[in-house]
Amino acid sequence: MAFAAQYRLHKKEDCRKIFKKPQIVKHQKYMMLLAMPNDLPHARLGLAIAKKHVKKSVDRSLVKRIIRESFRAKANSLPALDMVMLAKFGIMSMTKKNLRLAVDNIFDELR
């Protein structure tokens, strides 16, 4: 499955709603997931990878790519939620493999 437009949070307002009143919050050491139910038959994902926490654009792109890849693999088994994944300071100290495992664990906790 591709990361099609229907699986993304496009509007700032969608993300703001989740930031204001998240109903589900999952923490890992270097990332956090905020989520709330939606009225769609599938999950949607938004990413908030701040320059403050991940300085280089190459690294921000890598983090986004890994999160999207994990989401694509797990999307069919996730509940109908709107989610925003945030990066915390120090996320780049993780290896790619450990980052993928951490993201997978967050998505597995939602099931």
N, C-alpha and C. Protein backbone atom coordinates (compact mmCIF):
# COMPACT_ATOMS: atom_id res chain seq x y z
N MET A 1 0.84 -1.19 0.00
CA MET A 1 0.00 0.00 0.00
C MET A 1 0.88 1.25 0.00
N ALA A 2 0.54 2.19 -0.82
CA ALA A 2 1.27 3.46 -0.86
C ALA A 2 0.74 4.40 0.22
N PHE A 3 1.48 5.44 0.49
CA PHE A 3 1.03 6.44 1.46
C PHE A 3 0.19 7.45 0.69
N ALA A 4 -1.00 7.02 0.30
CA ALA A 4 -1.88 7.81 -0.55
C ALA A 4 -2.44 9.01 0.21
N ALA A 5 -2.99 9.94 -0.54
CA ALA A 5 -3.51 11.18 0.04
C ALA A 5 -4.60 10.92 1.08
N GLN A 6 -5.38 9.88 0.90
CA GLN A 6 -6.46 9.60 1.86
C GLN A 6 -5.93 9.17 3.23
N TYR A 7 -4.68 8.78 3.32
CA TYR A 7 -4.08 8.34 4.58
C TYR A 7 -3.28 9.44 5.27
N ARG A 8 -3.28 10.65 4.71
CA ARG A 8 -2.51 11.76 5.28
C ARG A 8 -3.42 12.80 5.90
N LEU A 9 -2.89 13.49 6.90
CA LEU A 9 -3.57 14.67 7.44
C LEU A 9 -3.04 15.86 6.65
N HIS A 10 -3.89 16.51 5.89
CA HIS A 10 -3.46 17.59 5.02
C HIS A 10 -3.60 18.98 5.65
N LYS A 11 -4.68 19.17 6.36
CA LYS A 11 -5.00 20.51 6.84
C LYS A 11 -4.41 20.77 8.22
N LYS A 12 -3.95 21.99 8.41
CA LYS A 12 -3.43 22.40 9.72
C LYS A 12 -4.50 22.25 10.79
N GLU A 13 -5.73 22.51 10.42
CA GLU A 13 -6.83 22.43 11.38
C GLU A 13 -7.00 21.01 11.93
N ASP A 14 -6.79 20.01 11.07
CA ASP A 14 -6.87 18.61 11.53
C ASP A 14 -5.82 18.34 12.60
N CYS A 15 -4.61 18.83 12.36
CA CYS A 15 -3.53 18.63 13.32
C CYS A 15 -3.78 19.43 14.61
N ARG A 16 -4.29 20.63 14.46
CA ARG A 16 -4.57 21.47 15.65
C ARG A 16 -5.58 20.80 16.58
N LYS A 17 -6.60 20.18 16.00
CA LYS A 17 -7.59 19.48 16.82
C LYS A 17 -6.92 18.40 17.66
N ILE A 18 -6.02 17.67 17.05
CA ILE A 18 -5.33 16.59 17.75
C ILE A 18 -4.41 17.15 18.83
N PHE A 19 -3.70 18.24 18.52
CA PHE A 19 -2.81 18.85 19.51
C PHE A 19 -3.59 19.40 20.71
N LYS A 20 -4.79 19.96 20.45
CA LYS A 20 -5.57 20.56 21.53
C LYS A 20 -6.13 19.51 22.48
N LYS A 21 -6.74 18.47 21.93
CA LYS A 21 -7.40 17.47 22.76
C LYS A 21 -7.12 16.06 22.26
N PRO A 22 -5.90 15.58 22.42
CA PRO A 22 -5.64 14.19 22.01
C PRO A 22 -6.32 13.23 22.97
N GLN A 23 -6.97 12.23 22.43
CA GLN A 23 -7.64 11.23 23.28
C GLN A 23 -6.71 10.06 23.58
N ILE A 24 -5.71 9.89 22.73
CA ILE A 24 -4.72 8.82 22.93
C ILE A 24 -3.34 9.45 22.83
N VAL A 25 -2.49 9.15 23.81
CA VAL A 25 -1.11 9.65 23.79
C VAL A 25 -0.19 8.46 24.08
N LYS A 26 0.74 8.21 23.18
CA LYS A 26 1.71 7.13 23.34
C LYS A 26 3.11 7.75 23.31
N HIS A 27 3.91 7.41 24.31
CA HIS A 27 5.27 7.96 24.42
C HIS A 27 6.32 6.89 24.18
N GLN A 28 7.35 7.27 23.51
CA GLN A 28 8.61 6.53 23.46
C GLN A 28 9.67 7.53 23.91
N LYS A 29 10.88 7.09 24.09
CA LYS A 29 11.91 7.99 24.59
C LYS A 29 12.12 9.18 23.66
N TYR A 30 12.13 8.95 22.35
CA TYR A 30 12.45 10.01 21.41
C TYR A 30 11.30 10.41 20.49
N MET A 31 10.10 9.92 20.76
CA MET A 31 8.97 10.31 19.93
C MET A 31 7.67 10.16 20.72
N MET A 32 6.62 10.79 20.18
CA MET A 32 5.33 10.75 20.83
C MET A 32 4.25 10.72 19.75
N LEU A 33 3.19 9.97 20.02
CA LEU A 33 2.07 9.89 19.10
C LEU A 33 0.83 10.43 19.80
N LEU A 34 0.16 11.37 19.15
CA LEU A 34 -1.11 11.91 19.63
C LEU A 34 -2.18 11.44 18.65
N ALA A 35 -3.34 11.03 19.17
CA ALA A 35 -4.37 10.52 18.27
C ALA A 35 -5.76 10.78 18.81
N MET A 36 -6.70 10.77 17.88
CA MET A 36 -8.12 10.85 18.24
C MET A 36 -8.92 10.13 17.15
N PRO A 37 -10.07 9.57 17.50
CA PRO A 37 -10.87 8.85 16.52
C PRO A 37 -11.34 9.75 15.37
N ASN A 38 -11.51 9.14 14.21
CA ASN A 38 -12.07 9.86 13.07
C ASN A 38 -13.31 9.12 12.56
N ASP A 39 -14.02 9.70 11.63
CA ASP A 39 -15.25 9.10 11.09
C ASP A 39 -15.00 8.34 9.80
N LEU A 40 -13.75 8.07 9.50
CA LEU A 40 -13.38 7.38 8.26
C LEU A 40 -13.17 5.89 8.54
N PRO A 41 -13.14 5.08 7.50
CA PRO A 41 -12.90 3.64 7.71
C PRO A 41 -11.42 3.27 7.83
N HIS A 42 -10.54 4.29 7.92
CA HIS A 42 -9.10 4.01 7.97
C HIS A 42 -8.39 5.07 8.82
N ALA A 43 -7.15 4.78 9.16
CA ALA A 43 -6.32 5.71 9.93
C ALA A 43 -5.69 6.74 9.00
N ARG A 44 -5.38 7.91 9.57
CA ARG A 44 -4.64 8.95 8.84
C ARG A 44 -3.47 9.40 9.70
N LEU A 45 -2.39 9.81 9.05
CA LEU A 45 -1.16 10.16 9.76
C LEU A 45 -0.67 11.54 9.36
N GLY A 46 -0.22 12.30 10.35
CA GLY A 46 0.46 13.57 10.14
C GLY A 46 1.80 13.50 10.87
N LEU A 47 2.77 14.24 10.40
CA LEU A 47 4.11 14.21 10.99
C LEU A 47 4.51 15.61 11.44
N ALA A 48 5.15 15.68 12.61
CA ALA A 48 5.67 16.94 13.13
C ALA A 48 7.11 16.69 13.55
N ILE A 49 8.01 16.89 12.61
CA ILE A 49 9.43 16.67 12.86
C ILE A 49 10.09 18.05 12.82
N ALA A 50 10.29 18.64 13.98
CA ALA A 50 10.73 20.03 14.07
C ALA A 50 12.23 20.18 13.85
N LYS A 51 12.61 21.30 13.22
CA LYS A 51 14.03 21.64 13.06
C LYS A 51 14.72 21.76 14.40
N LYS A 52 13.97 22.15 15.39
CA LYS A 52 14.52 22.32 16.73
C LYS A 52 15.10 21.00 17.26
N HIS A 53 14.47 19.88 16.90
CA HIS A 53 14.90 18.58 17.40
C HIS A 53 15.74 17.79 16.40
N VAL A 54 15.53 18.02 15.11
CA VAL A 54 16.28 17.32 14.07
C VAL A 54 16.81 18.40 13.13
N LYS A 55 18.06 18.76 13.30
CA LYS A 55 18.63 19.94 12.64
C LYS A 55 18.70 19.84 11.11
N LYS A 56 19.21 18.74 10.59
CA LYS A 56 19.45 18.61 9.15
C LYS A 56 18.20 18.14 8.42
N SER A 57 17.94 18.74 7.27
CA SER A 57 16.76 18.36 6.50
C SER A 57 16.86 16.90 6.02
N VAL A 58 18.07 16.45 5.76
CA VAL A 58 18.28 15.07 5.35
C VAL A 58 17.82 14.12 6.45
N ASP A 59 18.13 14.47 7.69
CA ASP A 59 17.74 13.65 8.83
C ASP A 59 16.23 13.70 9.06
N ARG A 60 15.64 14.89 8.90
CA ARG A 60 14.18 15.00 9.04
C ARG A 60 13.49 14.13 8.00
N SER A 61 13.99 14.16 6.79
CA SER A 61 13.42 13.34 5.72
C SER A 61 13.55 11.85 6.03
N LEU A 62 14.68 11.46 6.58
CA LEU A 62 14.90 10.06 6.95
C LEU A 62 13.89 9.62 8.01
N VAL A 63 13.71 10.43 9.03
CA VAL A 63 12.77 10.11 10.10
C VAL A 63 11.36 9.99 9.53
N LYS A 64 10.96 10.93 8.68
CA LYS A 64 9.64 10.89 8.07
C LYS A 64 9.46 9.63 7.23
N ARG A 65 10.49 9.30 6.45
CA ARG A 65 10.43 8.13 5.58
C ARG A 65 10.24 6.85 6.38
N ILE A 66 10.96 6.74 7.49
CA ILE A 66 10.86 5.54 8.33
C ILE A 66 9.47 5.45 8.97
N ILE A 67 8.94 6.58 9.44
CA ILE A 67 7.61 6.58 10.05
C ILE A 67 6.55 6.22 9.02
N ARG A 68 6.63 6.81 7.83
CA ARG A 68 5.66 6.51 6.77
C ARG A 68 5.72 5.04 6.37
N GLU A 69 6.93 4.51 6.26
CA GLU A 69 7.11 3.11 5.88
C GLU A 69 6.44 2.19 6.90
N SER A 70 6.63 2.48 8.16
CA SER A 70 6.00 1.69 9.21
C SER A 70 4.48 1.82 9.15
N PHE A 71 4.00 3.04 8.96
CA PHE A 71 2.55 3.28 8.86
C PHE A 71 1.95 2.49 7.70
N ARG A 72 2.60 2.52 6.54
CA ARG A 72 2.10 1.78 5.38
C ARG A 72 1.98 0.30 5.69
N ALA A 73 2.98 -0.24 6.39
CA ALA A 73 2.99 -1.67 6.70
C ALA A 73 1.88 -2.05 7.68
N LYS A 74 1.50 -1.13 8.56
CA LYS A 74 0.54 -1.44 9.63
C LYS A 74 -0.84 -0.82 9.42
N ALA A 75 -1.03 -0.02 8.38
CA ALA A 75 -2.25 0.77 8.21
C ALA A 75 -3.52 -0.08 8.20
N ASN A 76 -3.48 -1.24 7.58
CA ASN A 76 -4.68 -2.06 7.48
C ASN A 76 -5.14 -2.60 8.83
N SER A 77 -4.22 -2.70 9.79
CA SER A 77 -4.58 -3.26 11.09
C SER A 77 -4.80 -2.17 12.16
N LEU A 78 -4.62 -0.91 11.79
CA LEU A 78 -4.80 0.18 12.75
C LEU A 78 -6.27 0.59 12.83
N PRO A 79 -6.71 1.03 14.02
CA PRO A 79 -8.08 1.53 14.14
C PRO A 79 -8.24 2.86 13.40
N ALA A 80 -9.47 3.28 13.20
CA ALA A 80 -9.76 4.53 12.49
C ALA A 80 -9.43 5.72 13.40
N LEU A 81 -8.20 6.20 13.28
CA LEU A 81 -7.71 7.31 14.09
C LEU A 81 -7.03 8.33 13.22
N ASP A 82 -7.08 9.59 13.66
CA ASP A 82 -6.22 10.62 13.10
C ASP A 82 -5.04 10.73 14.06
N MET A 83 -3.83 10.60 13.54
CA MET A 83 -2.63 10.56 14.38
C MET A 83 -1.61 11.59 13.93
N VAL A 84 -0.87 12.12 14.90
CA VAL A 84 0.27 12.98 14.61
C VAL A 84 1.45 12.40 15.38
N MET A 85 2.53 12.11 14.66
CA MET A 85 3.76 11.60 15.27
C MET A 85 4.72 12.77 15.41
N LEU A 86 5.23 12.97 16.63
CA LEU A 86 6.18 14.04 16.92
C LEU A 86 7.54 13.47 17.26
N ALA A 87 8.58 14.15 16.79
CA ALA A 87 9.94 13.76 17.16
C ALA A 87 10.37 14.56 18.38
N LYS A 88 11.08 13.89 19.29
CA LYS A 88 11.62 14.56 20.47
C LYS A 88 13.13 14.75 20.28
N PHE A 89 13.70 15.59 21.13
CA PHE A 89 15.13 15.83 21.07
C PHE A 89 15.90 14.53 21.30
N GLY A 90 16.91 14.29 20.49
CA GLY A 90 17.75 13.10 20.63
C GLY A 90 17.36 11.96 19.73
N ILE A 91 16.34 12.14 18.90
CA ILE A 91 15.87 11.05 18.04
C ILE A 91 16.96 10.58 17.08
N MET A 92 17.87 11.47 16.70
CA MET A 92 18.91 11.08 15.75
C MET A 92 20.02 10.25 16.40
N SER A 93 19.95 10.07 17.71
CA SER A 93 20.93 9.18 18.36
C SER A 93 20.53 7.72 18.16
N MET A 94 19.32 7.48 17.66
CA MET A 94 18.86 6.11 17.40
C MET A 94 19.36 5.65 16.04
N THR A 95 19.61 4.35 15.92
CA THR A 95 19.93 3.79 14.62
C THR A 95 18.63 3.67 13.82
N LYS A 96 18.76 3.51 12.51
CA LYS A 96 17.56 3.38 11.67
C LYS A 96 16.73 2.18 12.11
N LYS A 97 17.40 1.09 12.43
CA LYS A 97 16.72 -0.13 12.85
C LYS A 97 15.94 0.11 14.15
N ASN A 98 16.58 0.74 15.12
CA ASN A 98 15.93 1.01 16.40
C ASN A 98 14.78 2.00 16.26
N LEU A 99 14.95 2.98 15.37
CA LEU A 99 13.88 3.94 15.11
C LEU A 99 12.67 3.22 14.53
N ARG A 100 12.90 2.36 13.57
CA ARG A 100 11.80 1.59 12.95
C ARG A 100 11.11 0.72 14.00
N LEU A 101 11.88 0.07 14.86
CA LEU A 101 11.30 -0.77 15.91
C LEU A 101 10.46 0.05 16.88
N ALA A 102 10.94 1.22 17.24
CA ALA A 102 10.20 2.10 18.16
C ALA A 102 8.88 2.56 17.53
N VAL A 103 8.92 2.92 16.26
CA VAL A 103 7.70 3.35 15.56
C VAL A 103 6.73 2.18 15.45
N ASP A 104 7.25 1.01 15.09
CA ASP A 104 6.40 -0.18 15.00
C ASP A 104 5.74 -0.48 16.34
N ASN A 105 6.49 -0.32 17.43
CA ASN A 105 5.93 -0.59 18.76
C ASN A 105 4.79 0.36 19.09
N ILE A 106 4.94 1.64 18.73
CA ILE A 106 3.86 2.59 18.98
C ILE A 106 2.61 2.20 18.22
N PHE A 107 2.77 1.85 16.94
CA PHE A 107 1.61 1.46 16.14
C PHE A 107 1.01 0.15 16.66
N ASP A 108 1.84 -0.77 17.12
CA ASP A 108 1.33 -2.03 17.67
C ASP A 108 0.51 -1.80 18.94
N GLU A 109 0.91 -0.82 19.75
CA GLU A 109 0.17 -0.50 20.97
C GLU A 109 -1.24 0.00 20.66
N LEU A 110 -1.43 0.60 19.51
CA LEU A 110 -2.74 1.13 19.13
C LEU A 110 -3.74 0.04 18.76
N ARG A 111 -3.24 -1.12 18.35
CA ARG A 111 -4.13 -2.20 17.91
C ARG A 111 -4.87 -2.84 19.03
